[in-house]
Amino acid sequence: GMRTAPEAARHYCVTRSAARLMDVYATALTRPLPPPPPPSPSPASQGVTPA
């Protein structure tokens, strides 16, 4: 049967967003991840004690 306009629009939106999600997921899988930034040194980790 014929779809109603809101139903067709919702189906299109869901399909498009799912395709975009899969594209982003595939890109993330194929592209090497950048190395994580080094942790910033905090005074506590350096053993600095308050006077």
PDB file of N, CA and C in Angstrom:
ATOM      1  N   GLY A   1       0.822  -1.208   0.000  1.00  0.00           N
ATOM      2  CA  GLY A   1       0.000   0.000   0.000  1.00  0.00           C
ATOM      3  C   GLY A   1       0.856   1.258   0.000  1.00  0.00           C
ATOM      4  N   MET A   2       0.183   2.367  -0.096  1.00  0.00           N
ATOM      5  CA  MET A   2       0.883   3.657  -0.098  1.00  0.00           C
ATOM      6  C   MET A   2       1.335   4.014   1.309  1.00  0.00           C
ATOM      7  N   ARG A   3       2.529   4.557   1.425  1.00  0.00           N
ATOM      8  CA  ARG A   3       2.986   5.045   2.719  1.00  0.00           C
ATOM      9  C   ARG A   3       2.424   6.436   2.955  1.00  0.00           C
ATOM     10  N   THR A   4       2.257   6.766   4.222  1.00  0.00           N
ATOM     11  CA  THR A   4       1.882   8.141   4.540  1.00  0.00           C
ATOM     12  C   THR A   4       3.148   8.981   4.495  1.00  0.00           C
ATOM     13  N   ALA A   5       3.000  10.270   4.320  1.00  0.00           N
ATOM     14  CA  ALA A   5       4.169  11.139   4.198  1.00  0.00           C
ATOM     15  C   ALA A   5       5.057  11.106   5.447  1.00  0.00           C
ATOM     16  N   PRO A   6       4.495  11.244   6.646  1.00  0.00           N
ATOM     17  CA  PRO A   6       5.363  11.217   7.841  1.00  0.00           C
ATOM     18  C   PRO A   6       6.102   9.892   7.975  1.00  0.00           C
ATOM     19  N   GLU A   7       5.450   8.784   7.643  1.00  0.00           N
ATOM     20  CA  GLU A   7       6.088   7.479   7.789  1.00  0.00           C
ATOM     21  C   GLU A   7       7.242   7.338   6.801  1.00  0.00           C
ATOM     22  N   ALA A   8       7.016   7.791   5.577  1.00  0.00           N
ATOM     23  CA  ALA A   8       8.068   7.707   4.563  1.00  0.00           C
ATOM     24  C   ALA A   8       9.242   8.609   4.943  1.00  0.00           C
ATOM     25  N   ALA A   9       8.924   9.793   5.454  1.00  0.00           N
ATOM     26  CA  ALA A   9       9.978  10.724   5.842  1.00  0.00           C
ATOM     27  C   ALA A   9      10.782  10.157   7.004  1.00  0.00           C
ATOM     28  N   ARG A  10      10.094   9.519   7.960  1.00  0.00           N
ATOM     29  CA  ARG A  10      10.803   8.960   9.111  1.00  0.00           C
ATOM     30  C   ARG A  10      11.689   7.799   8.660  1.00  0.00           C
ATOM     31  N   HIS A  11      11.154   6.958   7.764  1.00  0.00           N
ATOM     32  CA  HIS A  11      11.931   5.821   7.277  1.00  0.00           C
ATOM     33  C   HIS A  11      13.168   6.308   6.527  1.00  0.00           C
ATOM     34  N   TYR A  12      13.013   7.359   5.742  1.00  0.00           N
ATOM     35  CA  TYR A  12      14.141   7.903   4.986  1.00  0.00           C
ATOM     36  C   TYR A  12      15.186   8.468   5.939  1.00  0.00           C
ATOM     37  N   CYS A  13      14.718   9.159   6.970  1.00  0.00           N
ATOM     38  CA  CYS A  13      15.635   9.773   7.928  1.00  0.00           C
ATOM     39  C   CYS A  13      16.417   8.690   8.665  1.00  0.00           C
ATOM     40  N   VAL A  14      15.731   7.623   9.083  1.00  0.00           N
ATOM     41  CA  VAL A  14      16.386   6.538   9.809  1.00  0.00           C
ATOM     42  C   VAL A  14      17.388   5.828   8.909  1.00  0.00           C
ATOM     43  N   THR A  15      16.994   5.603   7.652  1.00  0.00           N
ATOM     44  CA  THR A  15      17.892   4.911   6.726  1.00  0.00           C
ATOM     45  C   THR A  15      19.125   5.745   6.442  1.00  0.00           C
ATOM     46  N   ARG A  16      18.926   7.052   6.253  1.00  0.00           N
ATOM     47  CA  ARG A  16      20.051   7.925   5.946  1.00  0.00           C
ATOM     48  C   ARG A  16      20.990   8.027   7.140  1.00  0.00           C
ATOM     49  N   SER A  17      20.428   8.157   8.340  1.00  0.00           N
ATOM     50  CA  SER A  17      21.274   8.282   9.522  1.00  0.00           C
ATOM     51  C   SER A  17      22.024   6.980   9.787  1.00  0.00           C
ATOM     52  N   ALA A  18      21.380   5.843   9.505  1.00  0.00           N
ATOM     53  CA  ALA A  18      22.043   4.555   9.697  1.00  0.00           C
ATOM     54  C   ALA A  18      23.188   4.393   8.704  1.00  0.00           C
ATOM     55  N   ALA A  19      22.967   4.841   7.471  1.00  0.00           N
ATOM     56  CA  ALA A  19      24.015   4.745   6.456  1.00  0.00           C
ATOM     57  C   ALA A  19      25.191   5.639   6.834  1.00  0.00           C
ATOM     58  N   ARG A  20      24.876   6.816   7.362  1.00  0.00           N
ATOM     59  CA  ARG A  20      25.937   7.734   7.775  1.00  0.00           C
ATOM     60  C   ARG A  20      26.721   7.134   8.939  1.00  0.00           C
ATOM     61  N   LEU A  21      26.008   6.484   9.858  1.00  0.00           N
ATOM     62  CA  LEU A  21      26.669   5.886  11.009  1.00  0.00           C
ATOM     63  C   LEU A  21      27.611   4.774  10.563  1.00  0.00           C
ATOM     64  N   MET A  22      27.146   3.957   9.604  1.00  0.00           N
ATOM     65  CA  MET A  22      27.988   2.880   9.107  1.00  0.00           C
ATOM     66  C   MET A  22      29.204   3.441   8.369  1.00  0.00           C
ATOM     67  N   ASP A  23      29.006   4.558   7.661  1.00  0.00           N
ATOM     68  CA  ASP A  23      30.116   5.166   6.931  1.00  0.00           C
ATOM     69  C   ASP A  23      31.165   5.688   7.909  1.00  0.00           C
ATOM     70  N   VAL A  24      30.696   6.334   8.961  1.00  0.00           N
ATOM     71  CA  VAL A  24      31.612   6.851   9.977  1.00  0.00           C
ATOM     72  C   VAL A  24      32.327   5.700  10.674  1.00  0.00           C
ATOM     73  N   TYR A  25      31.583   4.611  10.929  1.00  0.00           N
ATOM     74  CA  TYR A  25      32.166   3.453  11.603  1.00  0.00           C
ATOM     75  C   TYR A  25      33.240   2.817  10.729  1.00  0.00           C
ATOM     76  N   ALA A  26      32.952   2.697   9.429  1.00  0.00           N
ATOM     77  CA  ALA A  26      33.920   2.105   8.509  1.00  0.00           C
ATOM     78  C   ALA A  26      35.157   2.989   8.395  1.00  0.00           C
ATOM     79  N   THR A  27      34.944   4.288   8.379  1.00  0.00           N
ATOM     80  CA  THR A  27      36.067   5.221   8.291  1.00  0.00           C
ATOM     81  C   THR A  27      36.941   5.110   9.540  1.00  0.00           C
ATOM     82  N   ALA A  28      36.301   4.972  10.690  1.00  0.00           N
ATOM     83  CA  ALA A  28      37.050   4.862  11.941  1.00  0.00           C
ATOM     84  C   ALA A  28      37.844   3.560  11.976  1.00  0.00           C
ATOM     85  N   LEU A  29      37.285   2.506  11.368  1.00  0.00           N
ATOM     86  CA  LEU A  29      37.981   1.224  11.372  1.00  0.00           C
ATOM     87  C   LEU A  29      39.178   1.234  10.427  1.00  0.00           C
ATOM     88  N   THR A  30      39.017   1.860   9.267  1.00  0.00           N
ATOM     89  CA  THR A  30      40.080   1.806   8.264  1.00  0.00           C
ATOM     90  C   THR A  30      41.161   2.841   8.526  1.00  0.00           C
ATOM     91  N   ARG A  31      40.787   3.945   9.158  1.00  0.00           N
ATOM     92  CA  ARG A  31      41.762   5.010   9.396  1.00  0.00           C
ATOM     93  C   ARG A  31      42.534   4.740  10.689  1.00  0.00           C
ATOM     94  N   PRO A  32      43.853   4.823  10.670  1.00  0.00           N
ATOM     95  CA  PRO A  32      44.620   4.616  11.908  1.00  0.00           C
ATOM     96  C   PRO A  32      44.312   5.711  12.920  1.00  0.00           C
ATOM     97  N   LEU A  33      44.143   5.312  14.158  1.00  0.00           N
ATOM     98  CA  LEU A  33      43.828   6.280  15.197  1.00  0.00           C
ATOM     99  C   LEU A  33      45.071   7.082  15.559  1.00  0.00           C
ATOM    100  N   PRO A  34      44.911   8.374  15.809  1.00  0.00           N
ATOM    101  CA  PRO A  34      46.054   9.190  16.230  1.00  0.00           C
ATOM    102  C   PRO A  34      46.488   8.771  17.631  1.00  0.00           C
ATOM    103  N   PRO A  35      47.770   8.885  17.947  1.00  0.00           N
ATOM    104  CA  PRO A  35      48.242   8.502  19.282  1.00  0.00           C
ATOM    105  C   PRO A  35      47.637   9.413  20.335  1.00  0.00           C
ATOM    106  N   PRO A  36      47.300   8.879  21.493  1.00  0.00           N
ATOM    107  CA  PRO A  36      46.725   9.702  22.555  1.00  0.00           C
ATOM    108  C   PRO A  36      47.749  10.714  23.048  1.00  0.00           C
ATOM    109  N   PRO A  37      47.307  11.894  23.438  1.00  0.00           N
ATOM    110  CA  PRO A  37      48.245  12.905  23.932  1.00  0.00           C
ATOM    111  C   PRO A  37      48.842  12.460  25.264  1.00  0.00           C
ATOM    112  N   PRO A  38      50.075  12.836  25.543  1.00  0.00           N
ATOM    113  CA  PRO A  38      50.692  12.454  26.817  1.00  0.00           C
ATOM    114  C   PRO A  38      49.954  13.118  27.970  1.00  0.00           C
ATOM    115  N   PRO A  39      49.824  12.434  29.093  1.00  0.00           N
ATOM    116  CA  PRO A  39      49.121  13.023  30.240  1.00  0.00           C
ATOM    117  C   PRO A  39      49.866  14.235  30.764  1.00  0.00           C
ATOM    118  N   SER A  40      49.121  15.275  31.066  1.00  0.00           N
ATOM    119  CA  SER A  40      49.764  16.486  31.574  1.00  0.00           C
ATOM    120  C   SER A  40      50.244  16.241  33.002  1.00  0.00           C
ATOM    121  N   PRO A  41      51.462  16.639  33.311  1.00  0.00           N
ATOM    122  CA  PRO A  41      51.990  16.421  34.667  1.00  0.00           C
ATOM    123  C   PRO A  41      51.229  17.257  35.691  1.00  0.00           C
ATOM    124  N   SER A  42      50.767  16.590  36.726  1.00  0.00           N
ATOM    125  CA  SER A  42      50.062  17.320  37.776  1.00  0.00           C
ATOM    126  C   SER A  42      50.971  17.411  38.991  1.00  0.00           C
ATOM    127  N   PRO A  43      50.827  18.438  39.814  1.00  0.00           N
ATOM    128  CA  PRO A  43      51.681  18.586  41.006  1.00  0.00           C
ATOM    129  C   PRO A  43      51.608  17.377  41.928  1.00  0.00           C
ATOM    130  N   ALA A  44      50.451  16.748  42.016  1.00  0.00           N
ATOM    131  CA  ALA A  44      50.293  15.616  42.920  1.00  0.00           C
ATOM    132  C   ALA A  44      51.135  14.435  42.449  1.00  0.00           C
ATOM    133  N   SER A  45      51.196  14.209  41.112  1.00  0.00           N
ATOM    134  CA  SER A  45      51.945  13.064  40.604  1.00  0.00           C
ATOM    135  C   SER A  45      53.449  13.294  40.717  1.00  0.00           C
ATOM    136  N   GLN A  46      53.876  14.550  40.835  1.00  0.00           N
ATOM    137  CA  GLN A  46      55.303  14.849  40.945  1.00  0.00           C
ATOM    138  C   GLN A  46      55.785  14.793  42.395  1.00  0.00           C
ATOM    139  N   GLY A  47      54.875  14.531  43.326  1.00  0.00           N
ATOM    140  CA  GLY A  47      55.286  14.384  44.715  1.00  0.00           C
ATOM    141  C   GLY A  47      55.453  15.715  45.414  1.00  0.00           C
ATOM    142  N   VAL A  48      54.777  16.754  44.921  1.00  0.00           N
ATOM    143  CA  VAL A  48      54.881  18.059  45.575  1.00  0.00           C
ATOM    144  C   VAL A  48      53.916  18.090  46.754  1.00  0.00           C
ATOM    145  N   THR A  49      54.437  18.340  47.945  1.00  0.00           N
ATOM    146  CA  THR A  49      53.580  18.384  49.131  1.00  0.00           C
ATOM    147  C   THR A  49      53.394  19.825  49.575  1.00  0.00           C
ATOM    148  N   PRO A  50      52.192  20.179  49.979  1.00  0.00           N
ATOM    149  CA  PRO A  50      51.943  21.555  50.442  1.00  0.00           C
ATOM    150  C   PRO A  50      52.694  21.827  51.738  1.00  0.00           C
ATOM    151  N   ALA A  51      53.147  23.028  51.939  1.00  0.00           N
ATOM    152  CA  ALA A  51      53.903  23.391  53.138  1.00  0.00           C
ATOM    153  C   ALA A  51      52.995  23.330  54.360  1.00  0.00           C
TER     154      ALA A  51
END
